[in-house]
């Protein structure tokens, strides 16, 4: 009979695939969140596919702001669901997970509302300032441009794209001049994951399609010498291709890829 080889990783190999330090895996093991599948003859930890899946889940949950206690309950609930086939059900755990997720969602909604209110009030402030100045006053025109370009509310995907392009041009970003290309066509409409890094943003495009990696590298190369930020990096990980941008203006890339996600391929 044919045999299948189970893939296993050393702690260093798995840490590299998940883009974390090996010490993180040791900490998760200490907390009971991650369990090695075995050890080598020399005593080094080995991790299988299930451990890799768990580690990627923990990383994603932490990026979303969940605590390790929350994640522990998520993992326990997943184990409960897996055990349902044996008749061992636990409705309390499922209810706890739903509450934790809902609480986090509501927290984000509160923070988002604060920002939306602040943006609204800034727009009203600029409008009032522009209306108090004479029509021929140059400052009035400046306020009007600020209202139109900075505080304008988009209502369609086309408006969103135009608003983002104007923002990029104002900040001297090379992305503003990136014309229609095969690279953008490959990425349009693809699902992405975006998260905040200490010094920028990272964008994950799931899958191992080499065309995705090529497209991302072409976009990164187009940013060489950009006034708005440093040149991004692209790397292949266990989950897919990761595009990382750094600096205060890295948020432009986050908006750029989110705009691409919501635009269907031509």
C-alpha atoms as a PDB file:
ATOM      1  CA  UNK A   1       0.000   0.000   0.000  1.00  0.00           C
ATOM      2  CA  UNK A   2       1.248   3.546  -0.729  1.00  0.00           C
ATOM      3  CA  UNK A   3       2.335   5.549   2.284  1.00  0.00           C
ATOM      4  CA  UNK A   4       1.881   9.263   2.874  1.00  0.00           C
ATOM      5  CA  UNK A   5       4.542  11.386   4.496  1.00  0.00           C
ATOM      6  CA  UNK A   6       3.285  13.711   7.198  1.00  0.00           C
ATOM      7  CA  UNK A   7       4.931  17.100   6.923  1.00  0.00           C
ATOM      8  CA  UNK A   8       6.473  18.385  10.125  1.00  0.00           C
ATOM      9  CA  UNK A   9       8.418  21.549  10.893  1.00  0.00           C
ATOM     10  CA  UNK A  10      11.071  22.452  13.392  1.00  0.00           C
ATOM     11  CA  UNK A  11      10.324  25.414  15.624  1.00  0.00           C
ATOM     12  CA  UNK A  12      12.487  27.684  13.467  1.00  0.00           C
ATOM     13  CA  UNK A  13      10.891  26.569  10.194  1.00  0.00           C
ATOM     14  CA  UNK A  14       7.341  27.007  11.486  1.00  0.00           C
ATOM     15  CA  UNK A  15       8.167  30.392  13.016  1.00  0.00           C
ATOM     16  CA  UNK A  16       9.505  31.563   9.657  1.00  0.00           C
ATOM     17  CA  UNK A  17       6.398  30.364   7.803  1.00  0.00           C
ATOM     18  CA  UNK A  18       4.191  32.250  10.267  1.00  0.00           C
ATOM     19  CA  UNK A  19       6.420  35.370  10.373  1.00  0.00           C
ATOM     20  CA  UNK A  20       6.977  35.240  14.135  1.00  0.00           C
ATOM     21  CA  UNK A  21       9.964  34.637  16.410  1.00  0.00           C
ATOM     22  CA  UNK A  22      10.600  31.095  17.725  1.00  0.00           C
ATOM     23  CA  UNK A  23      10.159  32.478  21.241  1.00  0.00           C
ATOM     24  CA  UNK A  24       6.517  33.180  20.360  1.00  0.00           C
ATOM     25  CA  UNK A  25       5.904  29.487  19.713  1.00  0.00           C
ATOM     26  CA  UNK A  26       7.529  28.590  23.016  1.00  0.00           C
ATOM     27  CA  UNK A  27       5.314  31.111  24.801  1.00  0.00           C
ATOM     28  CA  UNK A  28       2.159  29.731  23.176  1.00  0.00           C
ATOM     29  CA  UNK A  29       3.211  26.233  24.167  1.00  0.00           C
ATOM     30  CA  UNK A  30       3.732  27.420  27.741  1.00  0.00           C
ATOM     31  CA  UNK A  31       0.219  28.946  27.666  1.00  0.00           C
ATOM     32  CA  UNK A  32      -1.241  25.676  26.419  1.00  0.00           C
ATOM     33  CA  UNK A  33      -2.290  27.091  23.045  1.00  0.00           C
ATOM     34  CA  UNK A  34       0.160  25.205  20.857  1.00  0.00           C
ATOM     35  CA  UNK A  35       1.237  21.582  21.175  1.00  0.00           C
ATOM     36  CA  UNK A  36       4.237  20.013  19.370  1.00  0.00           C
ATOM     37  CA  UNK A  37       3.487  16.799  17.535  1.00  0.00           C
ATOM     38  CA  UNK A  38       6.731  15.286  18.764  1.00  0.00           C
ATOM     39  CA  UNK A  39      10.472  15.773  19.027  1.00  0.00           C
ATOM     40  CA  UNK A  40      13.506  14.808  17.015  1.00  0.00           C
ATOM     41  CA  UNK A  41      16.050  12.320  18.251  1.00  0.00           C
ATOM     42  CA  UNK A  42      18.058  15.308  19.442  1.00  0.00           C
ATOM     43  CA  UNK A  43      15.092  16.613  21.433  1.00  0.00           C
ATOM     44  CA  UNK A  44      14.038  19.472  19.139  1.00  0.00           C
ATOM     45  CA  UNK A  45      10.326  20.273  18.857  1.00  0.00           C
ATOM     46  CA  UNK A  46       8.391  19.215  15.761  1.00  0.00           C
ATOM     47  CA  UNK A  47       5.078  20.715  14.649  1.00  0.00           C
ATOM     48  CA  UNK A  48       2.564  19.226  12.248  1.00  0.00           C
ATOM     49  CA  UNK A  49      -0.076  20.715   9.969  1.00  0.00           C
ATOM     50  CA  UNK A  50      -2.584  21.096  12.812  1.00  0.00           C
ATOM     51  CA  UNK A  51      -0.117  23.139  14.867  1.00  0.00           C
ATOM     52  CA  UNK A  52       0.575  25.370  11.872  1.00  0.00           C
ATOM     53  CA  UNK A  53      -3.159  25.915  11.381  1.00  0.00           C
ATOM     54  CA  UNK A  54      -3.538  26.778  15.078  1.00  0.00           C
ATOM     55  CA  UNK A  55      -0.596  29.187  14.998  1.00  0.00           C
ATOM     56  CA  UNK A  56      -1.960  31.053  11.972  1.00  0.00           C
ATOM     57  CA  UNK A  57      -5.351  31.272  13.686  1.00  0.00           C
ATOM     58  CA  UNK A  58      -3.766  32.712  16.846  1.00  0.00           C
ATOM     59  CA  UNK A  59      -1.827  35.285  14.826  1.00  0.00           C
ATOM     60  CA  UNK A  60      -4.930  36.424  12.978  1.00  0.00           C
ATOM     61  CA  UNK A  61      -7.042  36.600  16.138  1.00  0.00           C
ATOM     62  CA  UNK A  62      -4.370  38.676  17.899  1.00  0.00           C
ATOM     63  CA  UNK A  63      -4.266  41.105  14.958  1.00  0.00           C
ATOM     64  CA  UNK A  64      -8.004  41.562  15.424  1.00  0.00           C
ATOM     65  CA  UNK A  65      -7.452  42.533  19.041  1.00  0.00           C
ATOM     66  CA  UNK A  66      -8.525  39.355  20.825  1.00  0.00           C
ATOM     67  CA  UNK A  67      -6.711  38.468  24.039  1.00  0.00           C
ATOM     68  CA  UNK A  68      -5.017  35.130  24.652  1.00  0.00           C
ATOM     69  CA  UNK A  69      -7.868  34.209  27.011  1.00  0.00           C
ATOM     70  CA  UNK A  70     -10.345  34.922  24.193  1.00  0.00           C
ATOM     71  CA  UNK A  71      -8.276  32.835  21.788  1.00  0.00           C
ATOM     72  CA  UNK A  72      -8.111  30.011  24.307  1.00  0.00           C
ATOM     73  CA  UNK A  73     -11.917  29.930  24.374  1.00  0.00           C
ATOM     74  CA  UNK A  74     -12.074  30.004  20.569  1.00  0.00           C
ATOM     75  CA  UNK A  75      -9.755  27.010  20.356  1.00  0.00           C
ATOM     76  CA  UNK A  76     -11.661  25.164  23.072  1.00  0.00           C
ATOM     77  CA  UNK A  77     -14.919  25.788  21.233  1.00  0.00           C
ATOM     78  CA  UNK A  78     -13.361  24.429  18.042  1.00  0.00           C
ATOM     79  CA  UNK A  79     -12.340  21.288  19.881  1.00  0.00           C
ATOM     80  CA  UNK A  80     -15.872  21.017  21.269  1.00  0.00           C
ATOM     81  CA  UNK A  81     -17.330  21.239  17.767  1.00  0.00           C
ATOM     82  CA  UNK A  82     -14.920  18.552  16.614  1.00  0.00           C
ATOM     83  CA  UNK A  83     -16.132  16.389  19.478  1.00  0.00           C
ATOM     84  CA  UNK A  84     -19.798  16.863  18.642  1.00  0.00           C
ATOM     85  CA  UNK A  85     -19.636  13.782  16.470  1.00  0.00           C
ATOM     86  CA  UNK A  86     -19.142  11.781  19.640  1.00  0.00           C
ATOM     87  CA  UNK A  87     -22.171  13.413  21.250  1.00  0.00           C
ATOM     88  CA  UNK A  88     -20.188  15.586  23.655  1.00  0.00           C
ATOM     89  CA  UNK A  89     -21.790  18.990  23.116  1.00  0.00           C
ATOM     90  CA  UNK A  90     -21.204  22.108  25.143  1.00  0.00           C
ATOM     91  CA  UNK A  91     -23.555  25.002  24.327  1.00  0.00           C
ATOM     92  CA  UNK A  92     -21.967  27.259  26.933  1.00  0.00           C
ATOM     93  CA  UNK A  93     -18.659  27.424  25.085  1.00  0.00           C
ATOM     94  CA  UNK A  94     -20.393  28.288  21.810  1.00  0.00           C
ATOM     95  CA  UNK A  95     -22.316  31.044  23.568  1.00  0.00           C
ATOM     96  CA  UNK A  96     -19.125  32.404  25.120  1.00  0.00           C
ATOM     97  CA  UNK A  97     -17.406  32.563  21.745  1.00  0.00           C
ATOM     98  CA  UNK A  98     -20.343  34.393  20.179  1.00  0.00           C
ATOM     99  CA  UNK A  99     -20.349  36.912  23.042  1.00  0.00           C
ATOM    100  CA  UNK A 100     -16.607  37.519  22.785  1.00  0.00           C
ATOM    101  CA  UNK A 101     -16.813  38.109  19.019  1.00  0.00           C
ATOM    102  CA  UNK A 102     -19.845  40.382  19.392  1.00  0.00           C
ATOM    103  CA  UNK A 103     -18.163  42.427  22.136  1.00  0.00           C
ATOM    104  CA  UNK A 104     -15.114  42.945  19.937  1.00  0.00           C
ATOM    105  CA  UNK A 105     -17.293  43.947  16.979  1.00  0.00           C
ATOM    106  CA  UNK A 106     -19.156  46.494  19.093  1.00  0.00           C
ATOM    107  CA  UNK A 107     -15.876  47.910  20.394  1.00  0.00           C
ATOM    108  CA  UNK A 108     -14.699  48.458  16.817  1.00  0.00           C
ATOM    109  CA  UNK A 109     -18.028  50.058  15.910  1.00  0.00           C
ATOM    110  CA  UNK A 110     -17.668  52.502  18.813  1.00  0.00           C
ATOM    111  CA  UNK A 111     -14.176  53.479  17.739  1.00  0.00           C
ATOM    112  CA  UNK A 112     -15.259  53.775  14.118  1.00  0.00           C
ATOM    113  CA  UNK A 113     -18.174  56.000  15.116  1.00  0.00           C
ATOM    114  CA  UNK A 114     -15.820  58.313  16.994  1.00  0.00           C
ATOM    115  CA  UNK A 115     -13.694  58.706  13.854  1.00  0.00           C
ATOM    116  CA  UNK A 116     -16.718  59.212  11.591  1.00  0.00           C
ATOM    117  CA  UNK A 117     -18.057  61.902  13.929  1.00  0.00           C
ATOM    118  CA  UNK A 118     -14.647  63.583  14.034  1.00  0.00           C
ATOM    119  CA  UNK A 119     -14.416  63.551  10.220  1.00  0.00           C
ATOM    120  CA  UNK A 120     -17.942  64.964   9.959  1.00  0.00           C
ATOM    121  CA  UNK A 121     -17.194  67.760  12.408  1.00  0.00           C
ATOM    122  CA  UNK A 122     -13.938  68.602  10.629  1.00  0.00           C
ATOM    123  CA  UNK A 123     -15.819  68.893   7.336  1.00  0.00           C
ATOM    124  CA  UNK A 124     -18.422  71.180   8.924  1.00  0.00           C
ATOM    125  CA  UNK A 125     -15.669  73.282  10.487  1.00  0.00           C
ATOM    126  CA  UNK A 126     -13.913  73.765   7.148  1.00  0.00           C
ATOM    127  CA  UNK A 127     -17.188  74.582   5.389  1.00  0.00           C
ATOM    128  CA  UNK A 128     -18.036  77.198   7.992  1.00  0.00           C
ATOM    129  CA  UNK A 129     -14.554  78.703   7.766  1.00  0.00           C
ATOM    130  CA  UNK A 130     -14.796  78.968   3.992  1.00  0.00           C
ATOM    131  CA  UNK A 131     -18.243  80.598   4.151  1.00  0.00           C
ATOM    132  CA  UNK A 132     -17.050  83.274   6.582  1.00  0.00           C
ATOM    133  CA  UNK A 133     -14.421  84.554   4.146  1.00  0.00           C
ATOM    134  CA  UNK A 134     -15.014  86.816   1.131  1.00  0.00           C
ATOM    135  CA  UNK A 135     -15.572  84.961  -2.153  1.00  0.00           C
ATOM    136  CA  UNK A 136     -12.413  86.455  -3.650  1.00  0.00           C
ATOM    137  CA  UNK A 137     -10.249  85.528  -0.670  1.00  0.00           C
ATOM    138  CA  UNK A 138      -7.603  82.948  -1.541  1.00  0.00           C
ATOM    139  CA  UNK A 139      -7.959  81.336   1.882  1.00  0.00           C
ATOM    140  CA  UNK A 140     -11.617  80.590   1.115  1.00  0.00           C
ATOM    141  CA  UNK A 141     -10.607  78.643  -1.971  1.00  0.00           C
ATOM    142  CA  UNK A 142      -8.056  76.762   0.099  1.00  0.00           C
ATOM    143  CA  UNK A 143     -10.720  75.716   2.617  1.00  0.00           C
ATOM    144  CA  UNK A 144     -13.023  74.631  -0.217  1.00  0.00           C
ATOM    145  CA  UNK A 145     -10.295  72.449  -1.707  1.00  0.00           C
ATOM    146  CA  UNK A 146      -9.697  70.911   1.712  1.00  0.00           C
ATOM    147  CA  UNK A 147     -13.383  70.091   1.996  1.00  0.00           C
ATOM    148  CA  UNK A 148     -13.479  68.559  -1.488  1.00  0.00           C
ATOM    149  CA  UNK A 149     -10.242  66.601  -1.336  1.00  0.00           C
ATOM    150  CA  UNK A 150      -9.733  65.739   2.314  1.00  0.00           C
ATOM    151  CA  UNK A 151     -13.203  65.537   3.818  1.00  0.00           C
ATOM    152  CA  UNK A 152     -15.301  64.550   0.822  1.00  0.00           C
ATOM    153  CA  UNK A 153     -17.536  61.530   1.403  1.00  0.00           C
ATOM    154  CA  UNK A 154     -17.486  58.961  -1.407  1.00  0.00           C
ATOM    155  CA  UNK A 155     -20.658  57.135  -2.345  1.00  0.00           C
ATOM    156  CA  UNK A 156     -19.541  54.846  -5.196  1.00  0.00           C
ATOM    157  CA  UNK A 157     -16.506  52.664  -5.921  1.00  0.00           C
ATOM    158  CA  UNK A 158     -15.570  55.112  -8.670  1.00  0.00           C
ATOM    159  CA  UNK A 159     -15.695  58.014  -6.207  1.00  0.00           C
ATOM    160  CA  UNK A 160     -13.643  56.003  -3.722  1.00  0.00           C
ATOM    161  CA  UNK A 161     -10.958  55.388  -6.336  1.00  0.00           C
ATOM    162  CA  UNK A 162     -10.914  59.051  -7.394  1.00  0.00           C
ATOM    163  CA  UNK A 163     -10.697  60.215  -3.774  1.00  0.00           C
ATOM    164  CA  UNK A 164      -7.839  57.800  -3.030  1.00  0.00           C
ATOM    165  CA  UNK A 165      -5.973  58.873  -6.170  1.00  0.00           C
ATOM    166  CA  UNK A 166      -6.304  62.542  -5.164  1.00  0.00           C
ATOM    167  CA  UNK A 167      -4.987  61.726  -1.687  1.00  0.00           C
ATOM    168  CA  UNK A 168      -2.010  59.863  -3.138  1.00  0.00           C
ATOM    169  CA  UNK A 169      -1.175  62.738  -5.494  1.00  0.00           C
ATOM    170  CA  UNK A 170      -1.338  65.235  -2.654  1.00  0.00           C
ATOM    171  CA  UNK A 171       1.136  63.154  -0.640  1.00  0.00           C
ATOM    172  CA  UNK A 172       3.506  62.555  -3.552  1.00  0.00           C
ATOM    173  CA  UNK A 173       2.851  58.809  -3.738  1.00  0.00           C
ATOM    174  CA  UNK A 174       3.905  56.979  -6.914  1.00  0.00           C
ATOM    175  CA  UNK A 175       0.774  54.823  -6.710  1.00  0.00           C
ATOM    176  CA  UNK A 176      -1.211  57.794  -8.001  1.00  0.00           C
ATOM    177  CA  UNK A 177       0.531  57.501 -11.388  1.00  0.00           C
ATOM    178  CA  UNK A 178       0.260  53.718 -11.615  1.00  0.00           C
ATOM    179  CA  UNK A 179      -1.721  53.274 -14.814  1.00  0.00           C
ATOM    180  CA  UNK A 180      -3.956  50.380 -15.742  1.00  0.00           C
ATOM    181  CA  UNK A 181      -1.699  47.337 -15.887  1.00  0.00           C
ATOM    182  CA  UNK A 182      -1.737  43.565 -15.881  1.00  0.00           C
ATOM    183  CA  UNK A 183      -0.511  43.668 -12.279  1.00  0.00           C
ATOM    184  CA  UNK A 184      -3.617  45.525 -11.138  1.00  0.00           C
ATOM    185  CA  UNK A 185      -5.887  43.308 -13.256  1.00  0.00           C
ATOM    186  CA  UNK A 186      -4.505  40.225 -11.478  1.00  0.00           C
ATOM    187  CA  UNK A 187      -5.203  41.725  -8.047  1.00  0.00           C
ATOM    188  CA  UNK A 188      -8.606  43.322  -8.677  1.00  0.00           C
ATOM    189  CA  UNK A 189     -11.452  41.616  -6.859  1.00  0.00           C
ATOM    190  CA  UNK A 190      -9.185  39.311  -4.853  1.00  0.00           C
ATOM    191  CA  UNK A 191      -9.877  38.836  -1.170  1.00  0.00           C
ATOM    192  CA  UNK A 192      -7.157  40.283   1.078  1.00  0.00           C
ATOM    193  CA  UNK A 193      -6.342  40.494   4.780  1.00  0.00           C
ATOM    194  CA  UNK A 194      -4.910  43.778   6.072  1.00  0.00           C
ATOM    195  CA  UNK A 195      -3.430  44.467   9.497  1.00  0.00           C
ATOM    196  CA  UNK A 196      -1.511  47.164  11.323  1.00  0.00           C
ATOM    197  CA  UNK A 197       2.170  46.657  12.068  1.00  0.00           C
ATOM    198  CA  UNK A 198       4.156  48.728  14.604  1.00  0.00           C
ATOM    199  CA  UNK A 199       5.599  50.828  11.774  1.00  0.00           C
ATOM    200  CA  UNK A 200       3.156  50.351   8.901  1.00  0.00           C
ATOM    201  CA  UNK A 201       0.708  47.895   7.329  1.00  0.00           C
ATOM    202  CA  UNK A 202       0.853  44.377   5.917  1.00  0.00           C
ATOM    203  CA  UNK A 203      -1.461  42.968   3.257  1.00  0.00           C
ATOM    204  CA  UNK A 204      -1.948  39.223   2.780  1.00  0.00           C
ATOM    205  CA  UNK A 205      -3.213  37.925  -0.568  1.00  0.00           C
ATOM    206  CA  UNK A 206      -4.093  34.264   0.156  1.00  0.00           C
ATOM    207  CA  UNK A 207      -2.903  31.516  -2.163  1.00  0.00           C
ATOM    208  CA  UNK A 208       0.342  30.485  -3.814  1.00  0.00           C
ATOM    209  CA  UNK A 209      -0.400  31.704  -7.354  1.00  0.00           C
ATOM    210  CA  UNK A 210       2.981  32.940  -8.666  1.00  0.00           C
ATOM    211  CA  UNK A 211       1.187  35.624 -10.701  1.00  0.00           C
ATOM    212  CA  UNK A 212       0.113  37.265  -7.445  1.00  0.00           C
ATOM    213  CA  UNK A 213       3.687  37.410  -6.199  1.00  0.00           C
ATOM    214  CA  UNK A 214       4.880  38.867  -9.500  1.00  0.00           C
ATOM    215  CA  UNK A 215       2.146  41.510  -9.477  1.00  0.00           C
ATOM    216  CA  UNK A 216       2.939  42.539  -5.894  1.00  0.00           C
ATOM    217  CA  UNK A 217       6.651  42.766  -6.636  1.00  0.00           C
ATOM    218  CA  UNK A 218       5.952  44.965  -9.650  1.00  0.00           C
ATOM    219  CA  UNK A 219       3.887  47.323  -7.499  1.00  0.00           C
ATOM    220  CA  UNK A 220       6.613  47.382  -4.848  1.00  0.00           C
ATOM    221  CA  UNK A 221       9.251  48.146  -7.510  1.00  0.00           C
ATOM    222  CA  UNK A 222       7.162  51.045  -8.817  1.00  0.00           C
ATOM    223  CA  UNK A 223       7.513  52.660  -5.390  1.00  0.00           C
ATOM    224  CA  UNK A 224      11.301  52.966  -5.581  1.00  0.00           C
ATOM    225  CA  UNK A 225      12.166  56.580  -4.825  1.00  0.00           C
ATOM    226  CA  UNK A 226       8.612  57.443  -3.737  1.00  0.00           C
ATOM    227  CA  UNK A 227       8.393  60.623  -1.678  1.00  0.00           C
ATOM    228  CA  UNK A 228       5.583  59.316   0.531  1.00  0.00           C
ATOM    229  CA  UNK A 229       7.180  56.156   1.936  1.00  0.00           C
ATOM    230  CA  UNK A 230       9.982  53.613   1.659  1.00  0.00           C
ATOM    231  CA  UNK A 231       9.896  50.786  -0.881  1.00  0.00           C
ATOM    232  CA  UNK A 232       7.639  47.933   0.310  1.00  0.00           C
ATOM    233  CA  UNK A 233       8.685  44.284   0.699  1.00  0.00           C
ATOM    234  CA  UNK A 234       7.000  41.149  -0.640  1.00  0.00           C
ATOM    235  CA  UNK A 235       7.443  37.657   0.773  1.00  0.00           C
ATOM    236  CA  UNK A 236       5.813  34.251   0.496  1.00  0.00           C
ATOM    237  CA  UNK A 237       4.382  32.785   3.715  1.00  0.00           C
ATOM    238  CA  UNK A 238       2.363  29.745   4.752  1.00  0.00           C
ATOM    239  CA  UNK A 239      -0.870  31.671   4.097  1.00  0.00           C
ATOM    240  CA  UNK A 240       0.090  33.369   0.843  1.00  0.00           C
ATOM    241  CA  UNK A 241       1.890  36.455  -0.419  1.00  0.00           C
ATOM    242  CA  UNK A 242       2.459  39.269   2.094  1.00  0.00           C
ATOM    243  CA  UNK A 243       3.038  42.863   0.988  1.00  0.00           C
ATOM    244  CA  UNK A 244       4.522  45.012   3.774  1.00  0.00           C
ATOM    245  CA  UNK A 245       4.788  48.813   3.733  1.00  0.00           C
ATOM    246  CA  UNK A 246       6.436  50.937   6.390  1.00  0.00           C
ATOM    247  CA  UNK A 247       6.351  54.542   7.528  1.00  0.00           C
ATOM    248  CA  UNK A 248       3.704  57.098   8.458  1.00  0.00           C
ATOM    249  CA  UNK A 249       2.121  57.009   5.006  1.00  0.00           C
ATOM    250  CA  UNK A 250       1.899  53.220   4.712  1.00  0.00           C
ATOM    251  CA  UNK A 251      -1.859  53.550   5.265  1.00  0.00           C
ATOM    252  CA  UNK A 252      -2.048  54.510   1.570  1.00  0.00           C
ATOM    253  CA  UNK A 253      -1.255  50.916   0.647  1.00  0.00           C
ATOM    254  CA  UNK A 254      -3.924  49.610   3.015  1.00  0.00           C
ATOM    255  CA  UNK A 255      -6.516  51.809   1.308  1.00  0.00           C
ATOM    256  CA  UNK A 256      -5.124  50.928  -2.123  1.00  0.00           C
ATOM    257  CA  UNK A 257      -5.510  47.163  -1.669  1.00  0.00           C
ATOM    258  CA  UNK A 258      -8.922  47.499  -0.038  1.00  0.00           C
ATOM    259  CA  UNK A 259     -10.041  49.545  -3.060  1.00  0.00           C
ATOM    260  CA  UNK A 260      -8.711  46.847  -5.407  1.00  0.00           C
ATOM    261  CA  UNK A 261     -10.551  44.150  -3.451  1.00  0.00           C
ATOM    262  CA  UNK A 262     -13.891  45.872  -4.022  1.00  0.00           C
ATOM    263  CA  UNK A 263     -13.362  46.397  -7.737  1.00  0.00           C
ATOM    264  CA  UNK A 264     -14.265  43.488  -9.978  1.00  0.00           C
ATOM    265  CA  UNK A 265     -11.718  42.310 -12.562  1.00  0.00           C
ATOM    266  CA  UNK A 266     -12.145  43.870 -16.005  1.00  0.00           C
END
